[in-house]
């Protein structure tokens, strides 16, 4: 128990040093996962509650993950595993909506 509390505390403290300026993020349970492969777009979306600090372009409150970018499929696997187990995750965005116009691009996700 002490080890897991220490890992969560260290992970949360690390966010203070590596969070991009004006990026959204939060710690919580993933409430929704969607995959869009239509029209040549291979994008996954996830919703986390609560989330704060997202840029103005992120009008949906979602994070977008390109499944064709390096690490995108690995991030989706982690997201699906955490979601199916109801585990808390720490999510940080890039501060931009360059994967999908109304969703902040995922920078990284931690499943402590």
Protein backbone atom coordinates (compact mmCIF):
# COMPACT_ATOMS: atom_id res chain seq x y z
CA UNK A 1 0.00 0.00 0.00
CA UNK A 2 2.79 2.44 0.91
CA UNK A 3 4.56 1.70 -2.36
CA UNK A 4 1.48 2.51 -4.50
CA UNK A 5 0.89 5.75 -2.56
CA UNK A 6 4.53 6.66 -3.13
CA UNK A 7 4.30 5.94 -6.88
CA UNK A 8 1.15 8.05 -7.25
CA UNK A 9 2.70 10.88 -5.22
CA UNK A 10 5.90 10.82 -7.26
CA UNK A 11 3.97 10.67 -10.52
CA UNK A 12 1.81 13.61 -9.53
CA UNK A 13 4.87 15.60 -8.43
CA UNK A 14 6.56 14.85 -11.76
CA UNK A 15 3.67 16.51 -13.57
CA UNK A 16 4.64 19.81 -12.00
CA UNK A 17 7.96 19.70 -13.82
CA UNK A 18 7.03 18.25 -17.22
CA UNK A 19 3.54 19.57 -17.98
CA UNK A 20 3.57 21.68 -21.14
CA UNK A 21 2.41 25.28 -20.72
CA UNK A 22 -1.32 25.72 -21.31
CA UNK A 23 -1.94 21.98 -21.62
CA UNK A 24 -4.89 20.14 -20.19
CA UNK A 25 -4.58 17.28 -17.80
CA UNK A 26 -6.06 15.46 -14.90
CA UNK A 27 -6.13 12.41 -12.70
CA UNK A 28 -9.18 10.22 -12.73
CA UNK A 29 -11.00 7.29 -14.27
CA UNK A 30 -11.48 7.18 -18.04
CA UNK A 31 -15.18 7.61 -18.74
CA UNK A 32 -15.29 7.07 -22.51
CA UNK A 33 -13.12 5.61 -25.30
CA UNK A 34 -14.00 5.99 -28.99
CA UNK A 35 -12.09 4.92 -32.12
CA UNK A 36 -12.69 6.59 -35.49
CA UNK A 37 -11.23 4.80 -38.48
CA UNK A 38 -13.56 6.26 -41.11
CA UNK A 39 -12.34 8.39 -43.99
CA UNK A 40 -8.72 7.38 -43.49
CA UNK A 41 -8.61 8.86 -39.99
CA UNK A 42 -7.17 6.45 -37.46
CA UNK A 43 -7.83 8.33 -34.25
CA UNK A 44 -8.84 7.26 -30.75
CA UNK A 45 -10.51 9.59 -28.28
CA UNK A 46 -10.71 9.35 -24.52
CA UNK A 47 -12.57 11.35 -21.93
CA UNK A 48 -11.30 11.75 -18.38
CA UNK A 49 -13.13 13.42 -15.54
CA UNK A 50 -12.08 15.77 -14.09
CA UNK A 51 -9.79 17.55 -16.54
CA UNK A 52 -8.58 21.12 -16.38
CA UNK A 53 -6.48 23.59 -18.33
CA UNK A 54 -7.37 22.40 -21.82
CA UNK A 55 -6.78 24.86 -24.66
CA UNK A 56 -9.72 26.76 -26.20
CA UNK A 57 -9.71 24.45 -29.24
CA UNK A 58 -10.62 21.43 -27.06
CA UNK A 59 -14.35 22.15 -27.03
CA UNK A 60 -15.31 18.49 -26.45
CA UNK A 61 -13.13 17.92 -23.38
CA UNK A 62 -11.65 14.84 -25.07
CA UNK A 63 -8.06 13.84 -25.71
CA UNK A 64 -7.18 12.58 -29.22
CA UNK A 65 -4.57 9.94 -30.02
CA UNK A 66 -3.27 9.36 -33.55
CA UNK A 67 -3.12 5.62 -34.10
CA UNK A 68 -0.64 6.08 -36.95
CA UNK A 69 1.86 8.08 -34.86
CA UNK A 70 4.65 6.43 -32.88
CA UNK A 71 3.26 5.23 -29.60
CA UNK A 72 -0.40 5.82 -30.49
CA UNK A 73 -1.36 2.16 -30.49
CA UNK A 74 0.57 1.54 -27.27
CA UNK A 75 -1.23 4.48 -25.64
CA UNK A 76 -4.58 3.07 -26.80
CA UNK A 77 -3.72 -0.34 -25.32
CA UNK A 78 -2.92 1.30 -21.97
CA UNK A 79 -6.12 3.38 -22.14
CA UNK A 80 -8.30 0.35 -22.90
CA UNK A 81 -6.71 -1.69 -20.12
CA UNK A 82 -7.12 1.07 -17.53
CA UNK A 83 -10.69 1.75 -18.69
CA UNK A 84 -11.72 -1.91 -18.55
CA UNK A 85 -10.30 -2.24 -15.02
CA UNK A 86 -11.68 1.08 -13.78
CA UNK A 87 -8.20 2.25 -12.77
CA UNK A 88 -7.18 5.86 -12.25
CA UNK A 89 -4.79 7.38 -14.75
CA UNK A 90 -2.82 10.59 -15.02
CA UNK A 91 -3.24 12.29 -18.40
CA UNK A 92 -1.46 15.31 -19.87
CA UNK A 93 -2.16 16.89 -23.23
CA UNK A 94 0.09 18.81 -25.61
CA UNK A 95 -1.87 22.06 -25.44
CA UNK A 96 -2.78 21.75 -29.14
CA UNK A 97 -5.58 20.14 -31.16
CA UNK A 98 -3.48 18.96 -34.10
CA UNK A 99 -4.74 15.35 -34.30
CA UNK A 100 -8.44 16.31 -34.25
CA UNK A 101 -9.66 19.91 -34.37
CA UNK A 102 -11.93 19.86 -31.29
CA UNK A 103 -9.92 17.51 -29.04
CA UNK A 104 -6.59 18.10 -27.28
CA UNK A 105 -3.77 15.87 -28.51
CA UNK A 106 -2.59 13.41 -25.85
CA UNK A 107 0.99 14.00 -24.75
CA UNK A 108 1.26 11.11 -22.28
CA UNK A 109 -0.71 8.89 -19.95
CA UNK A 110 0.45 7.21 -16.73
CA UNK A 111 -1.35 4.29 -15.11
CA UNK A 112 0.18 4.14 -11.62
